[in-house]
Amino acid sequence: MPAILVCWTPADGEEREEQWPSLERFRAWAQAEGLACTWRAYAAAEDGEWELTDEGRIGGVSRPGPRPG
């Protein structure tokens, strides 16, 4: 299975880019490290460019949505 590119930004605001065997491995590592970060995952397209496949947040304080009326 080809690697994915994960761009993640921890609380310090410095974006990092790393290749991982899978998104699940990155998420498991980040949770085990106790990281709070946002992330975007990319897969290589046929033309060699990276295409966004998923994005999300791990850990940290969740922001509540609007309360129902």
N, C-alpha and C. Protein backbone atom coordinates (compact mmCIF):
# COMPACT_ATOMS: atom_id res chain seq x y z
N MET A 1 0.85 -1.18 0.00
CA MET A 1 0.00 0.00 0.00
C MET A 1 0.90 1.24 0.00
N PRO A 2 0.63 2.19 -0.88
CA PRO A 2 1.45 3.41 -0.93
C PRO A 2 1.25 4.26 0.32
N ALA A 3 2.28 4.98 0.64
CA ALA A 3 2.22 5.88 1.80
C ALA A 3 1.26 7.03 1.53
N ILE A 4 0.80 7.62 2.61
CA ILE A 4 0.00 8.84 2.51
C ILE A 4 0.81 9.98 3.09
N LEU A 5 0.50 11.17 2.68
CA LEU A 5 1.14 12.36 3.22
C LEU A 5 0.19 12.95 4.24
N VAL A 6 0.68 13.17 5.45
CA VAL A 6 -0.14 13.79 6.50
C VAL A 6 0.50 15.13 6.85
N CYS A 7 -0.28 16.19 6.71
CA CYS A 7 0.14 17.53 7.14
C CYS A 7 -0.62 17.79 8.43
N TRP A 8 0.13 18.00 9.51
CA TRP A 8 -0.53 18.19 10.80
C TRP A 8 0.05 19.40 11.50
N THR A 9 -0.83 20.05 12.28
CA THR A 9 -0.45 21.27 12.99
C THR A 9 -0.80 21.11 14.46
N PRO A 10 0.22 21.00 15.32
CA PRO A 10 -0.03 20.90 16.76
C PRO A 10 -0.30 22.28 17.36
N ALA A 11 -0.43 22.33 18.66
CA ALA A 11 -0.78 23.57 19.36
C ALA A 11 0.24 24.69 19.14
N ASP A 12 1.51 24.35 18.85
CA ASP A 12 2.50 25.41 18.65
C ASP A 12 2.35 26.13 17.31
N GLY A 13 1.47 25.61 16.44
CA GLY A 13 1.17 26.28 15.18
C GLY A 13 2.12 25.97 14.04
N GLU A 14 3.16 25.17 14.28
CA GLU A 14 4.12 24.86 13.22
C GLU A 14 3.65 23.63 12.44
N GLU A 15 3.28 23.83 11.17
CA GLU A 15 2.80 22.72 10.35
C GLU A 15 3.93 21.75 10.04
N ARG A 16 3.60 20.48 10.12
CA ARG A 16 4.57 19.43 9.82
C ARG A 16 4.00 18.54 8.71
N GLU A 17 4.87 18.02 7.87
CA GLU A 17 4.48 17.09 6.81
C GLU A 17 5.27 15.81 6.97
N GLU A 18 4.57 14.69 6.99
CA GLU A 18 5.22 13.39 7.14
C GLU A 18 4.49 12.36 6.31
N GLN A 19 5.22 11.40 5.77
CA GLN A 19 4.58 10.28 5.10
C GLN A 19 4.38 9.15 6.10
N TRP A 20 3.20 8.54 6.04
CA TRP A 20 2.83 7.45 6.93
C TRP A 20 2.30 6.28 6.10
N PRO A 21 2.42 5.05 6.62
CA PRO A 21 1.89 3.90 5.88
C PRO A 21 0.37 3.96 5.72
N SER A 22 -0.31 4.59 6.72
CA SER A 22 -1.77 4.71 6.66
C SER A 22 -2.21 5.83 7.60
N LEU A 23 -3.40 6.34 7.37
CA LEU A 23 -3.95 7.36 8.25
C LEU A 23 -4.20 6.79 9.64
N GLU A 24 -4.62 5.53 9.69
CA GLU A 24 -4.89 4.90 10.98
C GLU A 24 -3.62 4.84 11.83
N ARG A 25 -2.47 4.57 11.21
CA ARG A 25 -1.20 4.53 11.96
C ARG A 25 -0.85 5.91 12.50
N PHE A 26 -1.04 6.96 11.68
CA PHE A 26 -0.77 8.31 12.15
C PHE A 26 -1.68 8.66 13.33
N ARG A 27 -2.97 8.40 13.19
CA ARG A 27 -3.92 8.73 14.25
C ARG A 27 -3.61 7.97 15.54
N ALA A 28 -3.28 6.69 15.43
CA ALA A 28 -2.93 5.89 16.61
C ALA A 28 -1.69 6.46 17.29
N TRP A 29 -0.68 6.84 16.50
CA TRP A 29 0.54 7.43 17.05
C TRP A 29 0.23 8.74 17.76
N ALA A 30 -0.53 9.62 17.10
CA ALA A 30 -0.84 10.93 17.67
C ALA A 30 -1.61 10.79 18.98
N GLN A 31 -2.57 9.88 19.01
CA GLN A 31 -3.34 9.67 20.23
C GLN A 31 -2.46 9.08 21.33
N ALA A 32 -1.59 8.14 21.00
CA ALA A 32 -0.68 7.55 22.00
C ALA A 32 0.27 8.60 22.56
N GLU A 33 0.67 9.58 21.74
CA GLU A 33 1.55 10.65 22.19
C GLU A 33 0.80 11.75 22.95
N GLY A 34 -0.52 11.67 22.95
CA GLY A 34 -1.32 12.68 23.63
C GLY A 34 -1.36 14.01 22.89
N LEU A 35 -1.15 13.98 21.58
CA LEU A 35 -1.13 15.21 20.80
C LEU A 35 -2.53 15.76 20.59
N ALA A 36 -2.61 17.07 20.53
CA ALA A 36 -3.81 17.76 20.11
C ALA A 36 -3.42 18.49 18.83
N CYS A 37 -4.03 18.11 17.72
CA CYS A 37 -3.64 18.72 16.45
C CYS A 37 -4.76 18.62 15.43
N THR A 38 -4.65 19.43 14.40
CA THR A 38 -5.48 19.27 13.22
C THR A 38 -4.62 18.59 12.17
N TRP A 39 -5.25 17.88 11.24
CA TRP A 39 -4.48 17.17 10.23
C TRP A 39 -5.24 17.11 8.91
N ARG A 40 -4.48 16.95 7.84
CA ARG A 40 -5.01 16.73 6.50
C ARG A 40 -4.23 15.57 5.90
N ALA A 41 -4.94 14.63 5.28
CA ALA A 41 -4.29 13.47 4.66
C ALA A 41 -4.42 13.56 3.14
N TYR A 42 -3.33 13.20 2.46
CA TYR A 42 -3.28 13.25 1.00
C TYR A 42 -2.81 11.91 0.46
N ALA A 43 -3.34 11.51 -0.69
CA ALA A 43 -2.89 10.31 -1.39
C ALA A 43 -2.31 10.75 -2.73
N ALA A 44 -1.34 10.00 -3.22
CA ALA A 44 -0.72 10.32 -4.51
C ALA A 44 -1.70 10.00 -5.64
N ALA A 45 -1.89 10.97 -6.53
CA ALA A 45 -2.74 10.78 -7.70
C ALA A 45 -1.91 10.14 -8.81
N GLU A 46 -2.57 9.73 -9.87
CA GLU A 46 -1.86 9.11 -11.00
C GLU A 46 -0.82 10.03 -11.61
N ASP A 47 -1.06 11.35 -11.55
CA ASP A 47 -0.12 12.30 -12.14
C ASP A 47 1.03 12.66 -11.19
N GLY A 48 1.06 12.01 -10.02
CA GLY A 48 2.14 12.24 -9.07
C GLY A 48 1.88 13.36 -8.07
N GLU A 49 0.80 14.10 -8.26
CA GLU A 49 0.44 15.16 -7.32
C GLU A 49 -0.28 14.53 -6.12
N TRP A 50 -0.33 15.28 -5.02
CA TRP A 50 -1.04 14.82 -3.82
C TRP A 50 -2.46 15.36 -3.85
N GLU A 51 -3.45 14.49 -3.57
CA GLU A 51 -4.85 14.87 -3.51
C GLU A 51 -5.36 14.72 -2.09
N LEU A 52 -6.07 15.74 -1.60
CA LEU A 52 -6.66 15.69 -0.26
C LEU A 52 -7.69 14.57 -0.20
N THR A 53 -7.56 13.70 0.81
CA THR A 53 -8.50 12.59 0.96
C THR A 53 -9.31 12.67 2.24
N ASP A 54 -8.79 13.36 3.27
CA ASP A 54 -9.48 13.42 4.55
C ASP A 54 -8.85 14.51 5.40
N GLU A 55 -9.59 14.99 6.39
CA GLU A 55 -9.04 15.96 7.34
C GLU A 55 -9.80 15.85 8.64
N GLY A 56 -9.17 16.31 9.73
CA GLY A 56 -9.82 16.22 11.01
C GLY A 56 -8.99 16.80 12.14
N ARG A 57 -9.37 16.44 13.36
CA ARG A 57 -8.74 16.93 14.57
C ARG A 57 -8.58 15.76 15.53
N ILE A 58 -7.48 15.79 16.26
CA ILE A 58 -7.22 14.77 17.29
C ILE A 58 -6.99 15.49 18.60
N GLY A 59 -7.63 15.02 19.66
CA GLY A 59 -7.40 15.57 21.00
C GLY A 59 -7.80 17.02 21.13
N GLY A 60 -7.35 17.62 22.21
CA GLY A 60 -7.65 19.03 22.45
C GLY A 60 -9.06 19.24 22.96
N VAL A 61 -9.39 20.49 23.09
CA VAL A 61 -10.71 20.87 23.58
C VAL A 61 -11.67 20.89 22.42
N SER A 62 -12.78 20.19 22.56
CA SER A 62 -13.77 20.23 21.49
C SER A 62 -14.59 21.51 21.63
N ARG A 63 -14.92 22.06 20.50
CA ARG A 63 -15.71 23.29 20.50
C ARG A 63 -17.17 22.92 20.30
N PRO A 64 -18.02 23.28 21.24
CA PRO A 64 -19.43 22.92 21.09
C PRO A 64 -20.07 23.70 19.95
N GLY A 65 -20.97 23.05 19.27
CA GLY A 65 -21.72 23.71 18.20
C GLY A 65 -22.84 24.54 18.79
N PRO A 66 -23.62 25.17 17.93
CA PRO A 66 -24.74 25.97 18.42
C PRO A 66 -25.75 25.09 19.15
N ARG A 67 -26.34 25.65 20.17
CA ARG A 67 -27.34 24.90 20.93
C ARG A 67 -28.68 24.99 20.23
N PRO A 68 -29.40 23.88 20.22
CA PRO A 68 -30.73 23.92 19.59
C PRO A 68 -31.64 24.92 20.30
N GLY A 69 -32.46 25.61 19.52
CA GLY A 69 -33.35 26.66 20.01
C GLY A 69 -34.26 26.22 21.04
